[in-house]
Amino acid sequence: MPIIRVSVIRCEPQHFAEIKKMMADSLAVLEPGIRAMRGLIHFYAGEDEAVSSLVNVSLWRTLEDAKQLDTFQPMLDLGKAFVGKGATFERPVMNYASQWEFGPERSSPD
């Protein structure tokens, strides 16, 4: 079962549009390096304007794999830029051990 890594960014409502754009722009900087990391299963970035929050959620094969992001310099550099624009990060970043999972059931072809 995968490790679920969750990083939460919060900001004041008046900063949300700018932080949201920064998150969208970060894909070009982060994707090549993260995609090449050992153990990556999937990576998501999301936003919730109602609570002025954005998140990165990623799935990894092991805790060691997930913790590669702790020292990934492009992400650390972007974190400083987000903070400079008024964002705050929940710390520590959470790395959850999976308890259970499910997905949509697929019917077998007849």
PDB file of N, CA and C in Angstrom:
ATOM      1  N   MET A   1       0.845  -1.179   0.000  1.00  0.00           N
ATOM      2  CA  MET A   1       0.000   0.000   0.000  1.00  0.00           C
ATOM      3  C   MET A   1       0.896   1.251   0.000  1.00  0.00           C
ATOM      4  N   PRO A   2       0.508   2.271  -0.725  1.00  0.00           N
ATOM      5  CA  PRO A   2       1.377   3.440  -0.880  1.00  0.00           C
ATOM      6  C   PRO A   2       1.414   4.344   0.349  1.00  0.00           C
ATOM      7  N   ILE A   3       2.430   5.173   0.379  1.00  0.00           N
ATOM      8  CA  ILE A   3       2.526   6.284   1.324  1.00  0.00           C
ATOM      9  C   ILE A   3       1.829   7.471   0.666  1.00  0.00           C
ATOM     10  N   ILE A   4       1.001   8.170   1.427  1.00  0.00           N
ATOM     11  CA  ILE A   4       0.260   9.337   0.927  1.00  0.00           C
ATOM     12  C   ILE A   4       0.895  10.572   1.555  1.00  0.00           C
ATOM     13  N   ARG A   5       1.532  11.388   0.733  1.00  0.00           N
ATOM     14  CA  ARG A   5       2.203  12.593   1.222  1.00  0.00           C
ATOM     15  C   ARG A   5       1.299  13.792   0.974  1.00  0.00           C
ATOM     16  N   VAL A   6       1.095  14.615   2.009  1.00  0.00           N
ATOM     17  CA  VAL A   6       0.189  15.755   1.918  1.00  0.00           C
ATOM     18  C   VAL A   6       0.912  17.007   2.421  1.00  0.00           C
ATOM     19  N   SER A   7       0.994  18.002   1.549  1.00  0.00           N
ATOM     20  CA  SER A   7       1.558  19.302   1.915  1.00  0.00           C
ATOM     21  C   SER A   7       0.471  20.350   1.707  1.00  0.00           C
ATOM     22  N   VAL A   8       0.199  21.132   2.758  1.00  0.00           N
ATOM     23  CA  VAL A   8      -0.891  22.106   2.730  1.00  0.00           C
ATOM     24  C   VAL A   8      -0.319  23.520   2.773  1.00  0.00           C
ATOM     25  N   ILE A   9      -0.811  24.358   1.863  1.00  0.00           N
ATOM     26  CA  ILE A   9      -0.441  25.776   1.792  1.00  0.00           C
ATOM     27  C   ILE A   9      -1.692  26.586   2.104  1.00  0.00           C
ATOM     28  N   ARG A  10      -1.554  27.563   2.974  1.00  0.00           N
ATOM     29  CA  ARG A  10      -2.680  28.453   3.285  1.00  0.00           C
ATOM     30  C   ARG A  10      -2.253  29.893   3.029  1.00  0.00           C
ATOM     31  N   CYS A  11      -3.240  30.736   2.740  1.00  0.00           N
ATOM     32  CA  CYS A  11      -2.961  32.149   2.526  1.00  0.00           C
ATOM     33  C   CYS A  11      -4.210  32.956   2.849  1.00  0.00           C
ATOM     34  N   GLU A  12      -4.041  34.248   2.933  1.00  0.00           N
ATOM     35  CA  GLU A  12      -5.179  35.151   3.126  1.00  0.00           C
ATOM     36  C   GLU A  12      -5.945  35.215   1.805  1.00  0.00           C
ATOM     37  N   PRO A  13      -7.268  35.394   1.881  1.00  0.00           N
ATOM     38  CA  PRO A  13      -8.081  35.415   0.657  1.00  0.00           C
ATOM     39  C   PRO A  13      -7.575  36.390  -0.406  1.00  0.00           C
ATOM     40  N   GLN A  14      -7.076  37.533   0.013  1.00  0.00           N
ATOM     41  CA  GLN A  14      -6.613  38.521  -0.959  1.00  0.00           C
ATOM     42  C   GLN A  14      -5.363  38.071  -1.718  1.00  0.00           C
ATOM     43  N   HIS A  15      -4.672  37.053  -1.218  1.00  0.00           N
ATOM     44  CA  HIS A  15      -3.481  36.527  -1.887  1.00  0.00           C
ATOM     45  C   HIS A  15      -3.765  35.261  -2.694  1.00  0.00           C
ATOM     46  N   PHE A  16      -4.982  34.734  -2.592  1.00  0.00           N
ATOM     47  CA  PHE A  16      -5.271  33.428  -3.174  1.00  0.00           C
ATOM     48  C   PHE A  16      -5.020  33.384  -4.683  1.00  0.00           C
ATOM     49  N   ALA A  17      -5.491  34.347  -5.434  1.00  0.00           N
ATOM     50  CA  ALA A  17      -5.334  34.323  -6.898  1.00  0.00           C
ATOM     51  C   ALA A  17      -3.857  34.262  -7.292  1.00  0.00           C
ATOM     52  N   GLU A  18      -3.027  35.035  -6.616  1.00  0.00           N
ATOM     53  CA  GLU A  18      -1.599  35.042  -6.934  1.00  0.00           C
ATOM     54  C   GLU A  18      -0.937  33.711  -6.551  1.00  0.00           C
ATOM     55  N   ILE A  19      -1.279  33.183  -5.379  1.00  0.00           N
ATOM     56  CA  ILE A  19      -0.710  31.914  -4.930  1.00  0.00           C
ATOM     57  C   ILE A  19      -1.179  30.779  -5.844  1.00  0.00           C
ATOM     58  N   LYS A  20      -2.440  30.826  -6.253  1.00  0.00           N
ATOM     59  CA  LYS A  20      -2.980  29.821  -7.170  1.00  0.00           C
ATOM     60  C   LYS A  20      -2.202  29.837  -8.494  1.00  0.00           C
ATOM     61  N   LYS A  21      -1.916  31.017  -9.022  1.00  0.00           N
ATOM     62  CA  LYS A  21      -1.151  31.129 -10.265  1.00  0.00           C
ATOM     63  C   LYS A  21       0.266  30.590 -10.072  1.00  0.00           C
ATOM     64  N   MET A  22       0.858  30.894  -8.929  1.00  0.00           N
ATOM     65  CA  MET A  22       2.202  30.382  -8.650  1.00  0.00           C
ATOM     66  C   MET A  22       2.198  28.853  -8.623  1.00  0.00           C
ATOM     67  N   MET A  23       1.136  28.286  -8.043  1.00  0.00           N
ATOM     68  CA  MET A  23       1.038  26.820  -7.996  1.00  0.00           C
ATOM     69  C   MET A  23       0.935  26.263  -9.412  1.00  0.00           C
ATOM     70  N   ALA A  24       0.113  26.883 -10.242  1.00  0.00           N
ATOM     71  CA  ALA A  24      -0.018  26.419 -11.628  1.00  0.00           C
ATOM     72  C   ALA A  24       1.322  26.514 -12.360  1.00  0.00           C
ATOM     73  N   ASP A  25       2.022  27.611 -12.165  1.00  0.00           N
ATOM     74  CA  ASP A  25       3.309  27.816 -12.824  1.00  0.00           C
ATOM     75  C   ASP A  25       4.391  26.854 -12.308  1.00  0.00           C
ATOM     76  N   SER A  26       4.220  26.364 -11.087  1.00  0.00           N
ATOM     77  CA  SER A  26       5.242  25.487 -10.497  1.00  0.00           C
ATOM     78  C   SER A  26       5.340  24.134 -11.201  1.00  0.00           C
ATOM     79  N   LEU A  27       4.302  23.747 -11.906  1.00  0.00           N
ATOM     80  CA  LEU A  27       4.331  22.462 -12.609  1.00  0.00           C
ATOM     81  C   LEU A  27       5.556  22.350 -13.519  1.00  0.00           C
ATOM     82  N   ALA A  28       5.823  23.381 -14.294  1.00  0.00           N
ATOM     83  CA  ALA A  28       6.940  23.343 -15.245  1.00  0.00           C
ATOM     84  C   ALA A  28       8.283  23.166 -14.537  1.00  0.00           C
ATOM     85  N   VAL A  29       8.407  23.723 -13.338  1.00  0.00           N
ATOM     86  CA  VAL A  29       9.657  23.646 -12.590  1.00  0.00           C
ATOM     87  C   VAL A  29       9.792  22.302 -11.872  1.00  0.00           C
ATOM     88  N   LEU A  30       8.693  21.807 -11.319  1.00  0.00           N
ATOM     89  CA  LEU A  30       8.758  20.630 -10.461  1.00  0.00           C
ATOM     90  C   LEU A  30       8.619  19.293 -11.185  1.00  0.00           C
ATOM     91  N   GLU A  31       7.800  19.257 -12.219  1.00  0.00           N
ATOM     92  CA  GLU A  31       7.465  17.970 -12.834  1.00  0.00           C
ATOM     93  C   GLU A  31       8.669  17.156 -13.294  1.00  0.00           C
ATOM     94  N   PRO A  32       9.613  17.723 -14.032  1.00  0.00           N
ATOM     95  CA  PRO A  32      10.708  16.869 -14.526  1.00  0.00           C
ATOM     96  C   PRO A  32      11.468  16.157 -13.406  1.00  0.00           C
ATOM     97  N   GLY A  33      11.799  16.874 -12.354  1.00  0.00           N
ATOM     98  CA  GLY A  33      12.559  16.268 -11.267  1.00  0.00           C
ATOM     99  C   GLY A  33      11.754  15.274 -10.456  1.00  0.00           C
ATOM    100  N   ILE A  34      10.500  15.615 -10.167  1.00  0.00           N
ATOM    101  CA  ILE A  34       9.669  14.708  -9.375  1.00  0.00           C
ATOM    102  C   ILE A  34       9.333  13.465 -10.177  1.00  0.00           C
ATOM    103  N   ARG A  35       9.024  13.640 -11.443  1.00  0.00           N
ATOM    104  CA  ARG A  35       8.693  12.492 -12.290  1.00  0.00           C
ATOM    105  C   ARG A  35       9.838  11.472 -12.308  1.00  0.00           C
ATOM    106  N   ALA A  36      11.077  11.948 -12.208  1.00  0.00           N
ATOM    107  CA  ALA A  36      12.243  11.063 -12.253  1.00  0.00           C
ATOM    108  C   ALA A  36      12.569  10.408 -10.907  1.00  0.00           C
ATOM    109  N   MET A  37      11.876  10.794  -9.861  1.00  0.00           N
ATOM    110  CA  MET A  37      12.196  10.264  -8.537  1.00  0.00           C
ATOM    111  C   MET A  37      11.782   8.805  -8.383  1.00  0.00           C
ATOM    112  N   ARG A  38      12.584   8.096  -7.640  1.00  0.00           N
ATOM    113  CA  ARG A  38      12.321   6.703  -7.308  1.00  0.00           C
ATOM    114  C   ARG A  38      11.006   6.596  -6.518  1.00  0.00           C
ATOM    115  N   GLY A  39      10.153   5.676  -6.925  1.00  0.00           N
ATOM    116  CA  GLY A  39       8.978   5.342  -6.140  1.00  0.00           C
ATOM    117  C   GLY A  39       7.743   6.187  -6.344  1.00  0.00           C
ATOM    118  N   LEU A  40       7.791   7.170  -7.234  1.00  0.00           N
ATOM    119  CA  LEU A  40       6.609   7.998  -7.466  1.00  0.00           C
ATOM    120  C   LEU A  40       5.515   7.161  -8.112  1.00  0.00           C
ATOM    121  N   ILE A  41       4.313   7.251  -7.559  1.00  0.00           N
ATOM    122  CA  ILE A  41       3.151   6.605  -8.154  1.00  0.00           C
ATOM    123  C   ILE A  41       2.287   7.647  -8.857  1.00  0.00           C
ATOM    124  N   HIS A  42       1.990   8.738  -8.165  1.00  0.00           N
ATOM    125  CA  HIS A  42       1.165   9.798  -8.756  1.00  0.00           C
ATOM    126  C   HIS A  42       1.332  11.069  -7.933  1.00  0.00           C
ATOM    127  N   PHE A  43       1.111  12.220  -8.563  1.00  0.00           N
ATOM    128  CA  PHE A  43       1.251  13.514  -7.895  1.00  0.00           C
ATOM    129  C   PHE A  43       0.069  14.383  -8.294  1.00  0.00           C
ATOM    130  N   TYR A  44      -0.549  15.017  -7.325  1.00  0.00           N
ATOM    131  CA  TYR A  44      -1.692  15.908  -7.560  1.00  0.00           C
ATOM    132  C   TYR A  44      -1.417  17.266  -6.917  1.00  0.00           C
ATOM    133  N   ALA A  45      -1.917  18.326  -7.530  1.00  0.00           N
ATOM    134  CA  ALA A  45      -1.952  19.638  -6.903  1.00  0.00           C
ATOM    135  C   ALA A  45      -3.409  20.085  -6.957  1.00  0.00           C
ATOM    136  N   GLY A  46      -3.882  20.668  -5.866  1.00  0.00           N
ATOM    137  CA  GLY A  46      -5.280  21.079  -5.818  1.00  0.00           C
ATOM    138  C   GLY A  46      -5.454  22.398  -5.095  1.00  0.00           C
ATOM    139  N   GLU A  47      -6.651  22.939  -5.230  1.00  0.00           N
ATOM    140  CA  GLU A  47      -6.951  24.244  -4.636  1.00  0.00           C
ATOM    141  C   GLU A  47      -8.366  24.245  -4.071  1.00  0.00           C
ATOM    142  N   ASP A  48      -8.560  25.038  -3.036  1.00  0.00           N
ATOM    143  CA  ASP A  48      -9.891  25.260  -2.462  1.00  0.00           C
ATOM    144  C   ASP A  48      -9.996  26.734  -2.121  1.00  0.00           C
ATOM    145  N   GLU A  49     -10.573  27.485  -3.034  1.00  0.00           N
ATOM    146  CA  GLU A  49     -10.669  28.929  -2.846  1.00  0.00           C
ATOM    147  C   GLU A  49     -11.506  29.291  -1.627  1.00  0.00           C
ATOM    148  N   ALA A  50     -12.501  28.476  -1.296  1.00  0.00           N
ATOM    149  CA  ALA A  50     -13.386  28.773  -0.162  1.00  0.00           C
ATOM    150  C   ALA A  50     -12.622  28.868   1.159  1.00  0.00           C
ATOM    151  N   VAL A  51     -11.517  28.159   1.256  1.00  0.00           N
ATOM    152  CA  VAL A  51     -10.717  28.207   2.489  1.00  0.00           C
ATOM    153  C   VAL A  51      -9.295  28.726   2.230  1.00  0.00           C
ATOM    154  N   SER A  52      -9.086  29.323   1.063  1.00  0.00           N
ATOM    155  CA  SER A  52      -7.784  29.905   0.692  1.00  0.00           C
ATOM    156  C   SER A  52      -6.638  28.935   0.959  1.00  0.00           C
ATOM    157  N   SER A  53      -6.765  27.757   0.384  1.00  0.00           N
ATOM    158  CA  SER A  53      -5.788  26.709   0.629  1.00  0.00           C
ATOM    159  C   SER A  53      -5.481  25.951  -0.662  1.00  0.00           C
ATOM    160  N   LEU A  54      -4.242  25.510  -0.757  1.00  0.00           N
ATOM    161  CA  LEU A  54      -3.815  24.658  -1.871  1.00  0.00           C
ATOM    162  C   LEU A  54      -3.084  23.465  -1.278  1.00  0.00           C
ATOM    163  N   VAL A  55      -3.037  22.368  -2.018  1.00  0.00           N
ATOM    164  CA  VAL A  55      -2.361  21.193  -1.509  1.00  0.00           C
ATOM    165  C   VAL A  55      -1.611  20.482  -2.614  1.00  0.00           C
ATOM    166  N   ASN A  56      -0.562  19.807  -2.193  1.00  0.00           N
ATOM    167  CA  ASN A  56       0.122  18.818  -3.016  1.00  0.00           C
ATOM    168  C   ASN A  56      -0.105  17.481  -2.323  1.00  0.00           C
ATOM    169  N   VAL A  57      -0.630  16.538  -3.066  1.00  0.00           N
ATOM    170  CA  VAL A  57      -0.844  15.179  -2.557  1.00  0.00           C
ATOM    171  C   VAL A  57      -0.145  14.240  -3.525  1.00  0.00           C
ATOM    172  N   SER A  58       0.704  13.394  -2.975  1.00  0.00           N
ATOM    173  CA  SER A  58       1.409  12.460  -3.844  1.00  0.00           C
ATOM    174  C   SER A  58       1.409  11.074  -3.217  1.00  0.00           C
ATOM    175  N   LEU A  59       1.501  10.090  -4.093  1.00  0.00           N
ATOM    176  CA  LEU A  59       1.535   8.695  -3.676  1.00  0.00           C
ATOM    177  C   LEU A  59       2.909   8.129  -4.002  1.00  0.00           C
ATOM    178  N   TRP A  60       3.474   7.406  -3.029  1.00  0.00           N
ATOM    179  CA  TRP A  60       4.832   6.886  -3.135  1.00  0.00           C
ATOM    180  C   TRP A  60       4.871   5.436  -2.686  1.00  0.00           C
ATOM    181  N   ARG A  61       5.812   4.691  -3.195  1.00  0.00           N
ATOM    182  CA  ARG A  61       5.930   3.269  -2.834  1.00  0.00           C
ATOM    183  C   ARG A  61       6.378   3.076  -1.385  1.00  0.00           C
ATOM    184  N   THR A  62       7.299   3.934  -0.904  1.00  0.00           N
ATOM    185  CA  THR A  62       7.804   3.801   0.469  1.00  0.00           C
ATOM    186  C   THR A  62       7.926   5.180   1.110  1.00  0.00           C
ATOM    187  N   LEU A  63       8.056   5.194   2.428  1.00  0.00           N
ATOM    188  CA  LEU A  63       8.266   6.451   3.147  1.00  0.00           C
ATOM    189  C   LEU A  63       9.581   7.094   2.709  1.00  0.00           C
ATOM    190  N   GLU A  64      10.602   6.294   2.531  1.00  0.00           N
ATOM    191  CA  GLU A  64      11.889   6.827   2.064  1.00  0.00           C
ATOM    192  C   GLU A  64      11.732   7.522   0.709  1.00  0.00           C
ATOM    193  N   ASP A  65      10.946   6.911  -0.171  1.00  0.00           N
ATOM    194  CA  ASP A  65      10.695   7.533  -1.483  1.00  0.00           C
ATOM    195  C   ASP A  65      10.005   8.877  -1.305  1.00  0.00           C
ATOM    196  N   ALA A  66       8.966   8.936  -0.472  1.00  0.00           N
ATOM    197  CA  ALA A  66       8.213  10.177  -0.260  1.00  0.00           C
ATOM    198  C   ALA A  66       9.092  11.281   0.302  1.00  0.00           C
ATOM    199  N   LYS A  67      10.003  10.909   1.167  1.00  0.00           N
ATOM    200  CA  LYS A  67      10.851  11.911   1.827  1.00  0.00           C
ATOM    201  C   LYS A  67      11.901  12.513   0.897  1.00  0.00           C
ATOM    202  N   GLN A  68      12.005  12.019  -0.327  1.00  0.00           N
ATOM    203  CA  GLN A  68      12.904  12.657  -1.297  1.00  0.00           C
ATOM    204  C   GLN A  68      12.511  14.118  -1.504  1.00  0.00           C
ATOM    205  N   LEU A  69      11.220  14.411  -1.362  1.00  0.00           N
ATOM    206  CA  LEU A  69      10.749  15.789  -1.567  1.00  0.00           C
ATOM    207  C   LEU A  69      11.249  16.728  -0.481  1.00  0.00           C
ATOM    208  N   ASP A  70      11.630  16.192   0.690  1.00  0.00           N
ATOM    209  CA  ASP A  70      12.128  17.040   1.782  1.00  0.00           C
ATOM    210  C   ASP A  70      13.391  17.790   1.393  1.00  0.00           C
ATOM    211  N   THR A  71      14.142  17.241   0.456  1.00  0.00           N
ATOM    212  CA  THR A  71      15.420  17.860   0.076  1.00  0.00           C
ATOM    213  C   THR A  71      15.477  18.220  -1.415  1.00  0.00           C
ATOM    214  N   PHE A  72      14.344  18.196  -2.083  1.00  0.00           N
ATOM    215  CA  PHE A  72      14.298  18.523  -3.513  1.00  0.00           C
ATOM    216  C   PHE A  72      14.408  20.038  -3.662  1.00  0.00           C
ATOM    217  N   GLN A  73      15.570  20.495  -4.094  1.00  0.00           N
ATOM    218  CA  GLN A  73      15.881  21.929  -4.079  1.00  0.00           C
ATOM    219  C   GLN A  73      14.882  22.798  -4.843  1.00  0.00           C
ATOM    220  N   PRO A  74      14.414  22.409  -6.038  1.00  0.00           N
ATOM    221  CA  PRO A  74      13.432  23.271  -6.711  1.00  0.00           C
ATOM    222  C   PRO A  74      12.165  23.487  -5.869  1.00  0.00           C
ATOM    223  N   MET A  75      11.749  22.471  -5.113  1.00  0.00           N
ATOM    224  CA  MET A  75      10.568  22.628  -4.267  1.00  0.00           C
ATOM    225  C   MET A  75      10.886  23.535  -3.079  1.00  0.00           C
ATOM    226  N   LEU A  76      12.061  23.387  -2.496  1.00  0.00           N
ATOM    227  CA  LEU A  76      12.459  24.253  -1.383  1.00  0.00           C
ATOM    228  C   LEU A  76      12.542  25.706  -1.829  1.00  0.00           C
ATOM    229  N   ASP A  77      13.092  25.930  -3.012  1.00  0.00           N
ATOM    230  CA  ASP A  77      13.193  27.296  -3.545  1.00  0.00           C
ATOM    231  C   ASP A  77      11.817  27.894  -3.794  1.00  0.00           C
ATOM    232  N   LEU A  78      10.916  27.108  -4.378  1.00  0.00           N
ATOM    233  CA  LEU A  78       9.556  27.597  -4.605  1.00  0.00           C
ATOM    234  C   LEU A  78       8.847  27.879  -3.291  1.00  0.00           C
ATOM    235  N   GLY A  79       9.097  27.065  -2.282  1.00  0.00           N
ATOM    236  CA  GLY A  79       8.489  27.296  -0.969  1.00  0.00           C
ATOM    237  C   GLY A  79       8.832  28.680  -0.441  1.00  0.00           C
ATOM    238  N   LYS A  80      10.072  29.072  -0.593  1.00  0.00           N
ATOM    239  CA  LYS A  80      10.492  30.411  -0.155  1.00  0.00           C
ATOM    240  C   LYS A  80       9.752  31.492  -0.926  1.00  0.00           C
ATOM    241  N   ALA A  81       9.558  31.282  -2.225  1.00  0.00           N
ATOM    242  CA  ALA A  81       8.831  32.265  -3.045  1.00  0.00           C
ATOM    243  C   ALA A  81       7.373  32.358  -2.606  1.00  0.00           C
ATOM    244  N   PHE A  82       6.742  31.219  -2.290  1.00  0.00           N
ATOM    245  CA  PHE A  82       5.360  31.228  -1.808  1.00  0.00           C
ATOM    246  C   PHE A  82       5.262  31.997  -0.491  1.00  0.00           C
ATOM    247  N   VAL A  83       6.165  31.735   0.425  1.00  0.00           N
ATOM    248  CA  VAL A  83       6.161  32.436   1.710  1.00  0.00           C
ATOM    249  C   VAL A  83       6.345  33.934   1.490  1.00  0.00           C
ATOM    250  N   GLY A  84       7.204  34.300   0.548  1.00  0.00           N
ATOM    251  CA  GLY A  84       7.425  35.707   0.230  1.00  0.00           C
ATOM    252  C   GLY A  84       6.175  36.409  -0.278  1.00  0.00           C
ATOM    253  N   LYS A  85       5.222  35.642  -0.783  1.00  0.00           N
ATOM    254  CA  LYS A  85       3.961  36.208  -1.284  1.00  0.00           C
ATOM    255  C   LYS A  85       2.829  36.056  -0.269  1.00  0.00           C
ATOM    256  N   GLY A  86       3.164  35.645   0.954  1.00  0.00           N
ATOM    257  CA  GLY A  86       2.160  35.600   2.016  1.00  0.00           C
ATOM    258  C   GLY A  86       1.590  34.232   2.335  1.00  0.00           C
ATOM    259  N   ALA A  87       2.114  33.178   1.727  1.00  0.00           N
ATOM    260  CA  ALA A  87       1.619  31.837   2.016  1.00  0.00           C
ATOM    261  C   ALA A  87       2.275  31.281   3.277  1.00  0.00           C
ATOM    262  N   THR A  88       1.578  30.365   3.930  1.00  0.00           N
ATOM    263  CA  THR A  88       2.152  29.616   5.038  1.00  0.00           C
ATOM    264  C   THR A  88       1.970  28.129   4.748  1.00  0.00           C
ATOM    265  N   PHE A  89       2.910  27.342   5.191  1.00  0.00           N
ATOM    266  CA  PHE A  89       2.869  25.895   4.985  1.00  0.00           C
ATOM    267  C   PHE A  89       2.607  25.221   6.319  1.00  0.00           C
ATOM    268  N   GLU A  90       1.713  24.254   6.333  1.00  0.00           N
ATOM    269  CA  GLU A  90       1.539  23.435   7.529  1.00  0.00           C
ATOM    270  C   GLU A  90       2.761  22.550   7.652  1.00  0.00           C
ATOM    271  N   ARG A  91       3.345  22.533   8.827  1.00  0.00           N
ATOM    272  CA  ARG A  91       4.519  21.710   9.085  1.00  0.00           C
ATOM    273  C   ARG A  91       4.268  20.871  10.314  1.00  0.00           C
ATOM    274  N   PRO A  92       4.765  19.679  10.347  1.00  0.00           N
ATOM    275  CA  PRO A  92       5.549  19.046   9.297  1.00  0.00           C
ATOM    276  C   PRO A  92       4.664  18.590   8.145  1.00  0.00           C
ATOM    277  N   VAL A  93       5.293  18.349   6.985  1.00  0.00           N
ATOM    278  CA  VAL A  93       4.587  17.723   5.873  1.00  0.00           C
ATOM    279  C   VAL A  93       4.186  16.330   6.354  1.00  0.00           C
ATOM    280  N   MET A  94       2.978  15.919   6.000  1.00  0.00           N
ATOM    281  CA  MET A  94       2.445  14.653   6.496  1.00  0.00           C
ATOM    282  C   MET A  94       2.683  13.530   5.491  1.00  0.00           C
ATOM    283  N   ASN A  95       3.172  12.423   5.979  1.00  0.00           N
ATOM    284  CA  ASN A  95       3.403  11.217   5.182  1.00  0.00           C
ATOM    285  C   ASN A  95       2.594  10.097   5.827  1.00  0.00           C
ATOM    286  N   TYR A  96       1.450   9.794   5.233  1.00  0.00           N
ATOM    287  CA  TYR A  96       0.520   8.842   5.826  1.00  0.00           C
ATOM    288  C   TYR A  96       0.748   7.436   5.295  1.00  0.00           C
ATOM    289  N   ALA A  97       0.769   6.471   6.205  1.00  0.00           N
ATOM    290  CA  ALA A  97       0.740   5.068   5.805  1.00  0.00           C
ATOM    291  C   ALA A  97      -0.703   4.747   5.419  1.00  0.00           C
ATOM    292  N   SER A  98      -0.898   4.075   4.305  1.00  0.00           N
ATOM    293  CA  SER A  98      -2.243   3.721   3.851  1.00  0.00           C
ATOM    294  C   SER A  98      -2.867   2.728   4.819  1.00  0.00           C
ATOM    295  N   GLN A  99      -4.147   2.927   5.107  1.00  0.00           N
ATOM    296  CA  GLN A  99      -4.902   1.966   5.910  1.00  0.00           C
ATOM    297  C   GLN A  99      -5.747   1.071   5.024  1.00  0.00           C
ATOM    298  N   TRP A 100      -6.398   1.662   4.043  1.00  0.00           N
ATOM    299  CA  TRP A 100      -7.206   0.906   3.085  1.00  0.00           C
ATOM    300  C   TRP A 100      -7.419   1.775   1.871  1.00  0.00           C
ATOM    301  N   GLU A 101      -7.909   1.186   0.827  1.00  0.00           N
ATOM    302  CA  GLU A 101      -8.182   1.928  -0.398  1.00  0.00           C
ATOM    303  C   GLU A 101      -9.262   1.214  -1.188  1.00  0.00           C
ATOM    304  N   PHE A 102      -9.889   1.951  -2.074  1.00  0.00           N
ATOM    305  CA  PHE A 102     -10.835   1.359  -3.013  1.00  0.00           C
ATOM    306  C   PHE A 102     -10.956   2.303  -4.194  1.00  0.00           C
ATOM    307  N   GLY A 103     -11.545   1.829  -5.239  1.00  0.00           N
ATOM    308  CA  GLY A 103     -11.774   2.619  -6.435  1.00  0.00           C
ATOM    309  C   GLY A 103     -13.079   2.187  -7.049  1.00  0.00           C
ATOM    310  N   PRO A 104     -13.441   2.818  -8.134  1.00  0.00           N
ATOM    311  CA  PRO A 104     -14.696   2.427  -8.775  1.00  0.00           C
ATOM    312  C   PRO A 104     -14.612   0.981  -9.233  1.00  0.00           C
ATOM    313  N   GLU A 105     -15.691   0.284  -9.047  1.00  0.00           N
ATOM    314  CA  GLU A 105     -15.729  -1.110  -9.506  1.00  0.00           C
ATOM    315  C   GLU A 105     -15.878  -1.121 -11.012  1.00  0.00           C
ATOM    316  N   ARG A 106     -15.234  -2.049 -11.607  1.00  0.00           N
ATOM    317  CA  ARG A 106     -15.317  -2.193 -13.071  1.00  0.00           C
ATOM    318  C   ARG A 106     -16.132  -3.446 -13.347  1.00  0.00           C
ATOM    319  N   SER A 107     -17.076  -3.304 -14.224  1.00  0.00           N
ATOM    320  CA  SER A 107     -17.831  -4.502 -14.597  1.00  0.00           C
ATOM    321  C   SER A 107     -17.081  -5.247 -15.686  1.00  0.00           C
ATOM    322  N   SER A 108     -17.186  -6.551 -15.645  1.00  0.00           N
ATOM    323  CA  SER A 108     -16.488  -7.337 -16.669  1.00  0.00           C
ATOM    324  C   SER A 108     -17.273  -7.302 -17.971  1.00  0.00           C
ATOM    325  N   PRO A 109     -16.512  -7.244 -19.058  1.00  0.00           N
ATOM    326  CA  PRO A 109     -17.202  -7.232 -20.358  1.00  0.00           C
ATOM    327  C   PRO A 109     -17.936  -8.543 -20.584  1.00  0.00           C
ATOM    328  N   ASP A 110     -19.109  -8.456 -21.144  1.00  0.00           N
ATOM    329  CA  ASP A 110     -19.916  -9.675 -21.424  1.00  0.00           C
ATOM    330  C   ASP A 110     -19.591 -10.242 -22.767  1.00  0.00           C
TER     331      ASP A 110
END
